[in-house]
Amino acid sequence: EPRLKDTHLLPTVRGDLLAKLGRIDEARAEFRRAAGLTGNEKERALLLARADGG
């Protein structure tokens, strides 16, 4: 979906799915990517916490 390409939503979902599959390093990278795409400070903090294993 082109409209989702530049939002944090797709990498957030991708990170969640990768984490559930046990692919932790890849999940962390997706959460960091999502954090860089969101404009919301609270979402950014949550995504960075997930990237750090929290």
PDB file of N, CA and C in Angstrom:
ATOM      1  N   GLU A   1       0.845  -1.181   0.000  1.00  0.00           N
ATOM      2  CA  GLU A   1       0.000   0.000   0.000  1.00  0.00           C
ATOM      3  C   GLU A   1       0.890   1.244   0.000  1.00  0.00           C
ATOM      4  N   PRO A   2       0.842   2.041  -1.031  1.00  0.00           N
ATOM      5  CA  PRO A   2       1.703   3.227  -1.129  1.00  0.00           C
ATOM      6  C   PRO A   2       1.520   4.227   0.007  1.00  0.00           C
ATOM      7  N   ARG A   3       0.311   4.350   0.530  1.00  0.00           N
ATOM      8  CA  ARG A   3       0.073   5.337   1.590  1.00  0.00           C
ATOM      9  C   ARG A   3       0.769   4.959   2.894  1.00  0.00           C
ATOM     10  N   LEU A   4       1.079   3.699   3.085  1.00  0.00           N
ATOM     11  CA  LEU A   4       1.734   3.251   4.317  1.00  0.00           C
ATOM     12  C   LEU A   4       3.255   3.294   4.225  1.00  0.00           C
ATOM     13  N   LYS A   5       3.766   3.520   3.050  1.00  0.00           N
ATOM     14  CA  LYS A   5       5.201   3.432   2.792  1.00  0.00           C
ATOM     15  C   LYS A   5       6.042   4.327   3.696  1.00  0.00           C
ATOM     16  N   ASP A   6       5.575   5.518   3.981  1.00  0.00           N
ATOM     17  CA  ASP A   6       6.363   6.467   4.769  1.00  0.00           C
ATOM     18  C   ASP A   6       5.824   6.671   6.177  1.00  0.00           C
ATOM     19  N   THR A   7       5.053   5.712   6.673  1.00  0.00           N
ATOM     20  CA  THR A   7       4.543   5.816   8.039  1.00  0.00           C
ATOM     21  C   THR A   7       5.230   4.784   8.928  1.00  0.00           C
ATOM     22  N   HIS A   8       5.036   4.928  10.209  1.00  0.00           N
ATOM     23  CA  HIS A   8       5.625   3.996  11.172  1.00  0.00           C
ATOM     24  C   HIS A   8       4.819   2.706  11.301  1.00  0.00           C
ATOM     25  N   LEU A   9       3.634   2.672  10.724  1.00  0.00           N
ATOM     26  CA  LEU A   9       2.730   1.547  10.953  1.00  0.00           C
ATOM     27  C   LEU A   9       3.255   0.219  10.406  1.00  0.00           C
ATOM     28  N   LEU A  10       3.714   0.222   9.181  1.00  0.00           N
ATOM     29  CA  LEU A  10       4.177  -1.027   8.574  1.00  0.00           C
ATOM     30  C   LEU A  10       5.400  -1.608   9.289  1.00  0.00           C
ATOM     31  N   PRO A  11       6.449  -0.819   9.569  1.00  0.00           N
ATOM     32  CA  PRO A  11       7.578  -1.412  10.291  1.00  0.00           C
ATOM     33  C   PRO A  11       7.227  -1.829  11.722  1.00  0.00           C
ATOM     34  N   THR A  12       6.229  -1.180  12.326  1.00  0.00           N
ATOM     35  CA  THR A  12       5.803  -1.591  13.666  1.00  0.00           C
ATOM     36  C   THR A  12       5.192  -2.986  13.621  1.00  0.00           C
ATOM     37  N   VAL A  13       4.303  -3.209  12.680  1.00  0.00           N
ATOM     38  CA  VAL A  13       3.672  -4.526  12.542  1.00  0.00           C
ATOM     39  C   VAL A  13       4.712  -5.566  12.147  1.00  0.00           C
ATOM     40  N   ARG A  14       5.588  -5.202  11.239  1.00  0.00           N
ATOM     41  CA  ARG A  14       6.652  -6.115  10.815  1.00  0.00           C
ATOM     42  C   ARG A  14       7.526  -6.494  12.018  1.00  0.00           C
ATOM     43  N   GLY A  15       7.875  -5.505  12.834  1.00  0.00           N
ATOM     44  CA  GLY A  15       8.676  -5.770  14.025  1.00  0.00           C
ATOM     45  C   GLY A  15       7.970  -6.699  14.992  1.00  0.00           C
ATOM     46  N   ASP A  16       6.682  -6.487  15.170  1.00  0.00           N
ATOM     47  CA  ASP A  16       5.911  -7.341  16.066  1.00  0.00           C
ATOM     48  C   ASP A  16       5.889  -8.783  15.566  1.00  0.00           C
ATOM     49  N   LEU A  17       5.650  -8.957  14.284  1.00  0.00           N
ATOM     50  CA  LEU A  17       5.619 -10.308  13.717  1.00  0.00           C
ATOM     51  C   LEU A  17       6.991 -10.979  13.795  1.00  0.00           C
ATOM     52  N   LEU A  18       8.038 -10.232  13.509  1.00  0.00           N
ATOM     53  CA  LEU A  18       9.385 -10.798  13.597  1.00  0.00           C
ATOM     54  C   LEU A  18       9.715 -11.205  15.032  1.00  0.00           C
ATOM     55  N   ALA A  19       9.298 -10.397  15.995  1.00  0.00           N
ATOM     56  CA  ALA A  19       9.536 -10.733  17.400  1.00  0.00           C
ATOM     57  C   ALA A  19       8.814 -12.029  17.769  1.00  0.00           C
ATOM     58  N   LYS A  20       7.591 -12.183  17.297  1.00  0.00           N
ATOM     59  CA  LYS A  20       6.829 -13.404  17.582  1.00  0.00           C
ATOM     60  C   LYS A  20       7.471 -14.632  16.953  1.00  0.00           C
ATOM     61  N   LEU A  21       8.190 -14.426  15.862  1.00  0.00           N
ATOM     62  CA  LEU A  21       8.889 -15.532  15.206  1.00  0.00           C
ATOM     63  C   LEU A  21      10.257 -15.802  15.829  1.00  0.00           C
ATOM     64  N   GLY A  22      10.632 -14.982  16.807  1.00  0.00           N
ATOM     65  CA  GLY A  22      11.921 -15.158  17.461  1.00  0.00           C
ATOM     66  C   GLY A  22      13.080 -14.521  16.720  1.00  0.00           C
ATOM     67  N   ARG A  23      12.790 -13.720  15.725  1.00  0.00           N
ATOM     68  CA  ARG A  23      13.828 -13.048  14.929  1.00  0.00           C
ATOM     69  C   ARG A  23      14.070 -11.666  15.530  1.00  0.00           C
ATOM     70  N   ILE A  24      14.656 -11.691  16.724  1.00  0.00           N
ATOM     71  CA  ILE A  24      14.752 -10.516  17.585  1.00  0.00           C
ATOM     72  C   ILE A  24      15.577  -9.386  16.974  1.00  0.00           C
ATOM     73  N   ASP A  25      16.716  -9.686  16.402  1.00  0.00           N
ATOM     74  CA  ASP A  25      17.550  -8.623  15.826  1.00  0.00           C
ATOM     75  C   ASP A  25      16.825  -7.895  14.703  1.00  0.00           C
ATOM     76  N   GLU A  26      16.139  -8.652  13.869  1.00  0.00           N
ATOM     77  CA  GLU A  26      15.380  -8.042  12.776  1.00  0.00           C
ATOM     78  C   GLU A  26      14.210  -7.226  13.321  1.00  0.00           C
ATOM     79  N   ALA A  27      13.561  -7.739  14.362  1.00  0.00           N
ATOM     80  CA  ALA A  27      12.441  -7.022  14.979  1.00  0.00           C
ATOM     81  C   ALA A  27      12.920  -5.698  15.557  1.00  0.00           C
ATOM     82  N   ARG A  28      14.042  -5.727  16.239  1.00  0.00           N
ATOM     83  CA  ARG A  28      14.581  -4.499  16.827  1.00  0.00           C
ATOM     84  C   ARG A  28      14.888  -3.458  15.757  1.00  0.00           C
ATOM     85  N   ALA A  29      15.428  -3.904  14.639  1.00  0.00           N
ATOM     86  CA  ALA A  29      15.725  -2.978  13.538  1.00  0.00           C
ATOM     87  C   ALA A  29      14.439  -2.338  13.008  1.00  0.00           C
ATOM     88  N   GLU A  30      13.376  -3.119  12.909  1.00  0.00           N
ATOM     89  CA  GLU A  30      12.101  -2.581  12.426  1.00  0.00           C
ATOM     90  C   GLU A  30      11.508  -1.588  13.426  1.00  0.00           C
ATOM     91  N   PHE A  31      11.623  -1.885  14.720  1.00  0.00           N
ATOM     92  CA  PHE A  31      11.112  -0.948  15.723  1.00  0.00           C
ATOM     93  C   PHE A  31      11.897   0.361  15.691  1.00  0.00           C
ATOM     94  N   ARG A  32      13.201   0.276  15.478  1.00  0.00           N
ATOM     95  CA  ARG A  32      14.009   1.501  15.361  1.00  0.00           C
ATOM     96  C   ARG A  32      13.608   2.290  14.115  1.00  0.00           C
ATOM     97  N   ARG A  33      13.382   1.574  13.036  1.00  0.00           N
ATOM     98  CA  ARG A  33      12.946   2.227  11.796  1.00  0.00           C
ATOM     99  C   ARG A  33      11.604   2.925  12.006  1.00  0.00           C
ATOM    100  N   ALA A  34      10.681   2.240  12.658  1.00  0.00           N
ATOM    101  CA  ALA A  34       9.366   2.821  12.938  1.00  0.00           C
ATOM    102  C   ALA A  34       9.496   4.058  13.823  1.00  0.00           C
ATOM    103  N   ALA A  35      10.375   3.987  14.811  1.00  0.00           N
ATOM    104  CA  ALA A  35      10.576   5.129  15.709  1.00  0.00           C
ATOM    105  C   ALA A  35      11.059   6.352  14.937  1.00  0.00           C
ATOM    106  N   GLY A  36      11.874   6.121  13.934  1.00  0.00           N
ATOM    107  CA  GLY A  36      12.369   7.223  13.124  1.00  0.00           C
ATOM    108  C   GLY A  36      11.325   7.824  12.200  1.00  0.00           C
ATOM    109  N   LEU A  37      10.254   7.093  11.966  1.00  0.00           N
ATOM    110  CA  LEU A  37       9.218   7.563  11.044  1.00  0.00           C
ATOM    111  C   LEU A  37       8.039   8.242  11.740  1.00  0.00           C
ATOM    112  N   THR A  38       7.874   7.997  13.037  1.00  0.00           N
ATOM    113  CA  THR A  38       6.724   8.587  13.720  1.00  0.00           C
ATOM    114  C   THR A  38       7.034  10.011  14.169  1.00  0.00           C
ATOM    115  N   GLY A  39       6.010  10.829  14.182  1.00  0.00           N
ATOM    116  CA  GLY A  39       6.158  12.199  14.655  1.00  0.00           C
ATOM    117  C   GLY A  39       5.682  12.363  16.087  1.00  0.00           C
ATOM    118  N   ASN A  40       5.197  11.281  16.673  1.00  0.00           N
ATOM    119  CA  ASN A  40       4.644  11.316  18.016  1.00  0.00           C
ATOM    120  C   ASN A  40       5.712  10.873  19.015  1.00  0.00           C
ATOM    121  N   GLU A  41       6.021  11.737  19.970  1.00  0.00           N
ATOM    122  CA  GLU A  41       7.093  11.441  20.936  1.00  0.00           C
ATOM    123  C   GLU A  41       6.796  10.216  21.797  1.00  0.00           C
ATOM    124  N   LYS A  42       5.544  10.044  22.210  1.00  0.00           N
ATOM    125  CA  LYS A  42       5.199   8.887  23.045  1.00  0.00           C
ATOM    126  C   LYS A  42       5.328   7.588  22.259  1.00  0.00           C
ATOM    127  N   GLU A  43       4.886   7.603  21.012  1.00  0.00           N
ATOM    128  CA  GLU A  43       5.041   6.418  20.169  1.00  0.00           C
ATOM    129  C   GLU A  43       6.516   6.121  19.940  1.00  0.00           C
ATOM    130  N   ARG A  44       7.300   7.181  19.704  1.00  0.00           N
ATOM    131  CA  ARG A  44       8.736   6.999  19.485  1.00  0.00           C
ATOM    132  C   ARG A  44       9.381   6.340  20.706  1.00  0.00           C
ATOM    133  N   ALA A  45       9.033   6.823  21.889  1.00  0.00           N
ATOM    134  CA  ALA A  45       9.595   6.258  23.121  1.00  0.00           C
ATOM    135  C   ALA A  45       9.204   4.787  23.272  1.00  0.00           C
ATOM    136  N   LEU A  46       7.959   4.466  22.980  1.00  0.00           N
ATOM    137  CA  LEU A  46       7.491   3.085  23.078  1.00  0.00           C
ATOM    138  C   LEU A  46       8.227   2.188  22.082  1.00  0.00           C
ATOM    139  N   LEU A  47       8.368   2.657  20.857  1.00  0.00           N
ATOM    140  CA  LEU A  47       9.044   1.866  19.829  1.00  0.00           C
ATOM    141  C   LEU A  47      10.524   1.672  20.154  1.00  0.00           C
ATOM    142  N   LEU A  48      11.167   2.707  20.662  1.00  0.00           N
ATOM    143  CA  LEU A  48      12.573   2.569  21.040  1.00  0.00           C
ATOM    144  C   LEU A  48      12.731   1.621  22.228  1.00  0.00           C
ATOM    145  N   ALA A  49      11.771   1.644  23.138  1.00  0.00           N
ATOM    146  CA  ALA A  49      11.804   0.701  24.262  1.00  0.00           C
ATOM    147  C   ALA A  49      11.667  -0.730  23.754  1.00  0.00           C
ATOM    148  N   ARG A  50      10.794  -0.935  22.792  1.00  0.00           N
ATOM    149  CA  ARG A  50      10.643  -2.277  22.214  1.00  0.00           C
ATOM    150  C   ARG A  50      11.916  -2.689  21.479  1.00  0.00           C
ATOM    151  N   ALA A  51      12.558  -1.734  20.822  1.00  0.00           N
ATOM    152  CA  ALA A  51      13.807  -2.033  20.119  1.00  0.00           C
ATOM    153  C   ALA A  51      14.904  -2.438  21.099  1.00  0.00           C
ATOM    154  N   ASP A  52      14.830  -1.897  22.306  1.00  0.00           N
ATOM    155  CA  ASP A  52      15.831  -2.210  23.325  1.00  0.00           C
ATOM    156  C   ASP A  52      15.450  -3.429  24.159  1.00  0.00           C
ATOM    157  N   GLY A  53      14.377  -4.099  23.759  1.00  0.00           N
ATOM    158  CA  GLY A  53      13.979  -5.321  24.444  1.00  0.00           C
ATOM    159  C   GLY A  53      12.954  -5.123  25.536  1.00  0.00           C
ATOM    160  N   GLY A  54      12.408  -3.921  25.637  1.00  0.00           N
ATOM    161  CA  GLY A  54      11.445  -3.637  26.703  1.00  0.00           C
ATOM    162  C   GLY A  54      10.020  -3.743  26.303  1.00  0.00           C
TER     163      GLY A  54
END
